[in-house]
Every structure is written in C-alpha cells, then in structure tokens.
C-alpha cells in the first residue's frame, strides 16, 4: 500500500525524469507527443522508485515542497543539457564546415535550434552523433542518472559552487572542439584561396571568384569524406565524458 510519503517521493522522481526528458536529445524532439513523453517518464520513474532512498522527511510546508519540485526539475534539466552538449559541439562543427566548403554563405550558429533546419550537412553530422550516442553510451548515462540521487538526493540541499565554473569550461570546449573538427576543411579552404589569389594576379582575365567555388566544394567534400573518422573520434571522446558532465552539472549537493 502506497503512503502519502511514497506518492510524494514518486512525484519528485518523476519531476527529475521529466526535466531530463525536456532537455535530452531524442526525448525533447517536437515530433514526440507530450502524452508519450509523460508516459515514458512515468514508466522510467517507476523503475527508478525502488532504487531511491525512501527515508526522506516530508517538507514542512507547501512552499518547501514547491522548492523541492523546482530543485528536481532543475537537476533533470541540467543533466539533459549535459547530454545535449555533444550536439552543440556537432552543430558548431557543421556550421564551420558548411561555411568553409561554401555550401551555404554563412548560416547563423544557434545551439538552441535543430541542425536540420536549412543545413543538410548539419543533418548528416547530427545523425552521426546520434548514432554514436546510441551505440552503447546510453547505458553509462542511465547509470549516471541513477547516481544523481546520491550526488543530489531528494530532500534538503545546498548549492554546489563548482558547477558554474565547470559549465563555463565545457561551454568553451564547444568552440575549441568544433574548430578542431573543422580544422582540415579550414586548412584546405585557406590553400584554395591562396592558390586562386595567386592565379588572379598571374592571369588577371581569369574569373577566379567563380572557379574557386567549384574547387572549394569539390576539395572540401573530399577532405570531409576522408576525415569522417576524425569527427567520430572527437564526438566519441566528448560522449565518453558525458556521464561525468551530467553529475558535475548539478547545482545542488547534500546540505551539510
């Protein structure tokens, strides 16, 4: 028989799971109906429920309970954002590669939007990252989610002052790793521009501006094909760090 304490604990767990689903890739996609997300979150919360410490004192007031729910939602959201960070890296890398190849004049980099909007190359890289993410790493992320109930248990809590610094560090890694992924394309584009700039000086009547487009696209796509393994290597290295990031992104810790 479930008691009022059990129901409250289940709802708090469900709130953390919903926060995770709101930010994590795949689950947060608009094509998935809301009822399906809630049902899946409830099923996942029921599996998690027996593994969570049930010896939690009820909050003293409705305001304390509201604060607990807000804390659980924040924890879930931050863990979902940690999973999504790898796609922020791939979004920026696809932005750099697309501009350098010349397939698009200069799309705006917006980590909050989907890579598939107006950028076919970004869509390909997105699904490459999704394939790598779902090739076994999801189990480590599920274990990290279960571990979060030890790092940030349900109940009283304090603030983790180190989380903000770590998030800033990983945000900087988006641009660093994205540039490293696109570095071969950037180098090829530089050489193509250098060669055609020289040709433009030697043969003034040659329309180097038009010819350089074809050369950039051909050489850029060729180099991209040859360096797909490099993209996968950096993506896998970042994915392997994701379970740790999920736990270190949590702004809360047990209250001393």
Protein backbone atom coordinates (compact mmCIF):
# COMPACT_ATOMS: atom_id res chain seq x y z
CA UNK A 1 0.00 0.00 0.00
CA UNK A 2 1.44 3.35 -1.00
CA UNK A 3 1.57 6.03 1.65
CA UNK A 4 1.47 9.80 1.16
CA UNK A 5 5.26 9.87 1.57
CA UNK A 6 5.69 7.29 -1.21
CA UNK A 7 3.45 9.26 -3.57
CA UNK A 8 5.36 12.48 -2.84
CA UNK A 9 8.68 10.72 -3.43
CA UNK A 10 7.44 9.25 -6.72
CA UNK A 11 6.26 12.67 -7.94
CA UNK A 12 9.65 14.18 -7.07
CA UNK A 13 11.44 11.43 -9.00
CA UNK A 14 9.04 11.92 -11.91
CA UNK A 15 9.82 15.64 -11.91
CA UNK A 16 13.55 14.93 -12.23
CA UNK A 17 12.90 12.47 -15.07
CA UNK A 18 10.66 14.98 -16.86
CA UNK A 19 13.40 17.61 -16.55
CA UNK A 20 15.84 15.17 -18.16
CA UNK A 21 13.41 14.41 -20.99
CA UNK A 22 12.74 18.10 -21.63
CA UNK A 23 16.40 18.79 -22.44
CA UNK A 24 17.91 15.48 -23.56
CA UNK A 25 18.17 14.77 -27.30
CA UNK A 26 15.60 12.43 -28.90
CA UNK A 27 13.12 12.77 -25.99
CA UNK A 28 12.91 16.56 -26.36
CA UNK A 29 12.10 16.37 -30.08
CA UNK A 30 8.88 18.16 -31.04
CA UNK A 31 7.68 15.21 -33.12
CA UNK A 32 7.19 13.10 -29.96
CA UNK A 33 3.71 13.75 -28.48
CA UNK A 34 3.60 15.19 -24.98
CA UNK A 35 1.47 12.29 -23.71
CA UNK A 36 4.13 9.86 -24.97
CA UNK A 37 6.86 11.79 -23.14
CA UNK A 38 4.88 11.86 -19.88
CA UNK A 39 4.01 8.15 -20.14
CA UNK A 40 7.61 7.18 -20.82
CA UNK A 41 8.81 9.40 -17.98
CA UNK A 42 6.29 7.85 -15.58
CA UNK A 43 7.38 4.32 -16.58
CA UNK A 44 11.03 5.25 -16.09
CA UNK A 45 10.23 6.87 -12.72
CA UNK A 46 8.50 3.67 -11.59
CA UNK A 47 11.66 1.69 -12.39
CA UNK A 48 13.81 4.20 -10.51
CA UNK A 49 11.47 4.41 -7.49
CA UNK A 50 12.56 1.17 -5.70
CA UNK A 51 16.25 2.15 -6.04
CA UNK A 52 15.92 5.53 -4.30
CA UNK A 53 16.27 6.00 -0.56
CA UNK A 54 12.75 6.23 0.89
CA UNK A 55 13.83 7.65 4.24
CA UNK A 56 13.17 11.25 3.28
CA UNK A 57 11.45 13.62 5.69
CA UNK A 58 8.43 15.39 4.23
CA UNK A 59 8.81 19.15 3.68
CA UNK A 60 7.48 21.32 6.47
CA UNK A 61 5.27 23.49 4.25
CA UNK A 62 3.80 23.74 0.78
CA UNK A 63 6.48 26.32 -0.08
CA UNK A 64 9.22 23.86 0.85
CA UNK A 65 7.56 21.19 -1.29
CA UNK A 66 7.39 23.63 -4.22
CA UNK A 67 11.08 24.37 -3.77
CA UNK A 68 11.83 20.63 -3.80
CA UNK A 69 9.94 20.19 -7.07
CA UNK A 70 11.82 23.15 -8.59
CA UNK A 71 15.10 21.62 -7.46
CA UNK A 72 14.27 18.24 -9.01
CA UNK A 73 13.24 19.87 -12.31
CA UNK A 74 16.49 21.88 -12.37
CA UNK A 75 18.60 18.79 -11.71
CA UNK A 76 16.90 16.92 -14.55
CA UNK A 77 17.24 19.86 -16.94
CA UNK A 78 20.96 20.32 -16.21
CA UNK A 79 21.63 16.62 -16.77
CA UNK A 80 19.70 16.76 -20.05
CA UNK A 81 21.72 19.80 -21.14
CA UNK A 82 24.92 17.89 -20.33
CA UNK A 83 23.82 15.14 -22.75
CA UNK A 84 22.91 17.75 -25.34
CA UNK A 85 26.35 19.39 -25.17
CA UNK A 86 27.77 16.91 -27.67
CA UNK A 87 25.19 18.08 -30.21
CA UNK A 88 26.12 21.70 -29.53
CA UNK A 89 29.69 20.72 -30.48
CA UNK A 90 28.49 18.99 -33.65
CA UNK A 91 26.25 21.96 -34.53
CA UNK A 92 29.17 24.36 -34.33
CA UNK A 93 31.45 21.99 -36.26
CA UNK A 94 28.85 21.64 -39.04
CA UNK A 95 28.50 25.44 -39.11
CA UNK A 96 32.26 25.86 -39.59
CA UNK A 97 32.50 23.09 -42.21
CA UNK A 98 29.47 24.30 -44.17
CA UNK A 99 30.77 27.87 -44.39
CA UNK A 100 34.31 26.79 -45.29
CA UNK A 101 33.16 24.40 -48.02
CA UNK A 102 30.86 27.06 -49.45
CA UNK A 103 27.64 25.05 -49.40
CA UNK A 104 25.97 27.92 -47.57
CA UNK A 105 27.04 31.58 -47.43
CA UNK A 106 27.06 31.87 -43.66
CA UNK A 107 24.27 30.34 -41.57
CA UNK A 108 23.86 31.64 -38.05
CA UNK A 109 25.07 29.30 -35.32
CA UNK A 110 22.14 28.77 -32.97
CA UNK A 111 22.65 25.91 -30.47
CA UNK A 112 19.00 26.12 -29.48
CA UNK A 113 17.72 25.17 -32.91
CA UNK A 114 17.84 21.88 -34.77
CA UNK A 115 20.74 21.19 -37.12
CA UNK A 116 18.32 20.02 -39.78
CA UNK A 117 16.90 23.49 -40.42
CA UNK A 118 18.32 24.56 -43.77
CA UNK A 119 21.62 22.73 -43.38
CA UNK A 120 21.75 19.25 -44.97
CA UNK A 121 25.35 18.73 -43.90
CA UNK A 122 24.37 19.60 -40.34
CA UNK A 123 21.62 16.99 -40.50
CA UNK A 124 24.11 14.31 -41.57
CA UNK A 125 26.52 15.24 -38.76
CA UNK A 126 23.64 15.36 -36.27
CA UNK A 127 22.56 11.80 -37.08
CA UNK A 128 26.20 10.68 -36.97
CA UNK A 129 26.38 12.00 -33.40
CA UNK A 130 23.04 10.39 -32.55
CA UNK A 131 24.25 7.05 -33.89
CA UNK A 132 27.43 7.29 -31.79
CA UNK A 133 25.45 8.31 -28.72
CA UNK A 134 23.10 5.33 -29.02
CA UNK A 135 25.87 2.81 -29.71
CA UNK A 136 26.20 1.81 -26.04
CA UNK A 137 26.92 5.10 -24.27
CA UNK A 138 23.29 5.48 -23.21
CA UNK A 139 23.79 2.84 -20.51
CA UNK A 140 26.52 4.89 -18.85
CA UNK A 141 24.21 7.91 -18.93
CA UNK A 142 21.41 5.95 -17.29
CA UNK A 143 23.84 4.87 -14.58
CA UNK A 144 24.88 8.50 -14.14
CA UNK A 145 21.22 9.46 -13.75
CA UNK A 146 20.80 6.84 -11.02
CA UNK A 147 23.98 8.12 -9.37
CA UNK A 148 22.47 11.61 -9.32
CA UNK A 149 20.22 10.52 -6.44
CA UNK A 150 23.42 10.08 -4.40
CA UNK A 151 25.06 13.30 -5.59
CA UNK A 152 21.86 15.35 -5.19
CA UNK A 153 19.48 13.26 -3.07
CA UNK A 154 15.83 14.13 -2.73
CA UNK A 155 15.32 16.32 0.29
CA UNK A 156 17.26 19.16 1.85
CA UNK A 157 20.05 20.56 -0.26
CA UNK A 158 22.77 23.17 -0.58
CA UNK A 159 24.34 24.86 -3.58
CA UNK A 160 27.31 23.43 -5.48
CA UNK A 161 29.57 26.44 -6.14
CA UNK A 162 31.82 24.47 -8.54
CA UNK A 163 29.09 23.61 -11.08
CA UNK A 164 29.01 27.06 -12.72
CA UNK A 165 32.79 27.06 -13.34
CA UNK A 166 32.60 23.59 -14.88
CA UNK A 167 29.71 24.58 -17.16
CA UNK A 168 31.68 27.61 -18.40
CA UNK A 169 34.68 25.38 -19.08
CA UNK A 170 32.60 22.90 -21.09
CA UNK A 171 30.90 25.72 -22.98
CA UNK A 172 34.32 26.91 -24.11
CA UNK A 173 35.03 23.34 -25.27
CA UNK A 174 32.13 23.65 -27.74
CA UNK A 175 34.11 26.15 -29.80
CA UNK A 176 37.51 24.54 -29.24
CA UNK A 177 36.44 21.04 -30.30
CA UNK A 178 34.22 22.38 -33.09
CA UNK A 179 37.21 24.19 -34.60
CA UNK A 180 39.35 21.06 -34.26
CA UNK A 181 36.70 19.04 -36.10
CA UNK A 182 36.62 21.53 -38.95
CA UNK A 183 40.39 22.23 -38.97
CA UNK A 184 41.19 20.08 -42.07
CA UNK A 185 38.46 21.85 -44.06
CA UNK A 186 39.68 25.25 -42.87
CA UNK A 187 43.23 24.38 -43.98
CA UNK A 188 42.06 23.21 -47.43
CA UNK A 189 39.94 26.33 -47.87
CA UNK A 190 42.93 28.51 -46.99
CA UNK A 191 45.11 26.75 -49.58
CA UNK A 192 42.40 27.03 -52.26
CA UNK A 193 42.01 30.75 -51.61
CA UNK A 194 45.78 31.20 -51.65
CA UNK A 195 46.16 29.35 -54.97
CA UNK A 196 43.33 31.23 -56.69
CA UNK A 197 44.54 34.57 -55.32
CA UNK A 198 47.91 33.86 -56.90
CA UNK A 199 46.23 32.82 -60.17
CA UNK A 200 44.22 36.02 -60.11
CA UNK A 201 47.43 38.03 -60.03
CA UNK A 202 49.16 35.93 -62.72
CA UNK A 203 46.12 35.70 -65.05
CA UNK A 204 44.02 38.84 -64.46
CA UNK A 205 41.36 37.80 -67.02
CA UNK A 206 40.66 34.54 -65.18
CA UNK A 207 37.42 34.64 -63.18
CA UNK A 208 38.93 33.14 -60.01
CA UNK A 209 35.92 34.07 -57.89
CA UNK A 210 33.57 31.71 -59.76
CA UNK A 211 36.17 28.96 -60.26
CA UNK A 212 37.14 28.93 -56.59
CA UNK A 213 33.59 27.96 -55.58
CA UNK A 214 33.75 24.69 -57.51
CA UNK A 215 37.23 23.91 -56.19
CA UNK A 216 36.21 24.66 -52.59
CA UNK A 217 33.16 22.42 -52.77
CA UNK A 218 34.98 19.56 -54.50
CA UNK A 219 38.08 19.59 -52.28
CA UNK A 220 36.08 20.37 -49.14
CA UNK A 221 33.67 17.45 -49.58
CA UNK A 222 36.59 15.15 -50.48
CA UNK A 223 38.51 16.09 -47.34
CA UNK A 224 35.33 15.81 -45.26
CA UNK A 225 34.79 12.27 -46.58
CA UNK A 226 38.35 11.36 -45.65
CA UNK A 227 38.11 12.90 -42.16
CA UNK A 228 34.74 11.50 -41.03
CA UNK A 229 36.74 9.27 -38.67
CA UNK A 230 38.22 12.40 -37.08
CA UNK A 231 34.73 13.80 -36.44
CA UNK A 232 33.65 10.49 -34.91
CA UNK A 233 36.81 10.37 -32.76
CA UNK A 234 36.20 13.81 -31.22
CA UNK A 235 32.48 13.10 -30.82
CA UNK A 236 33.13 9.77 -29.05
CA UNK A 237 35.72 11.38 -26.76
CA UNK A 238 33.15 14.00 -25.77
CA UNK A 239 30.39 11.41 -25.35
CA UNK A 240 32.61 9.39 -23.00
CA UNK A 241 32.87 12.46 -20.75
CA UNK A 242 29.10 12.98 -20.74
CA UNK A 243 28.22 10.79 -17.68
CA UNK A 244 30.72 12.75 -15.58
CA UNK A 245 29.39 16.02 -17.00
CA UNK A 246 25.84 15.02 -16.08
CA UNK A 247 26.83 14.75 -12.43
CA UNK A 248 29.10 17.80 -12.36
CA UNK A 249 26.44 20.00 -13.97
CA UNK A 250 24.24 19.55 -10.90
CA UNK A 251 23.97 22.81 -8.96
CA UNK A 252 22.92 21.10 -5.76
CA UNK A 253 24.59 18.86 -3.17
CA UNK A 254 23.55 17.34 0.16
CA UNK A 255 23.19 20.02 2.80
CA UNK A 256 25.92 19.86 5.43
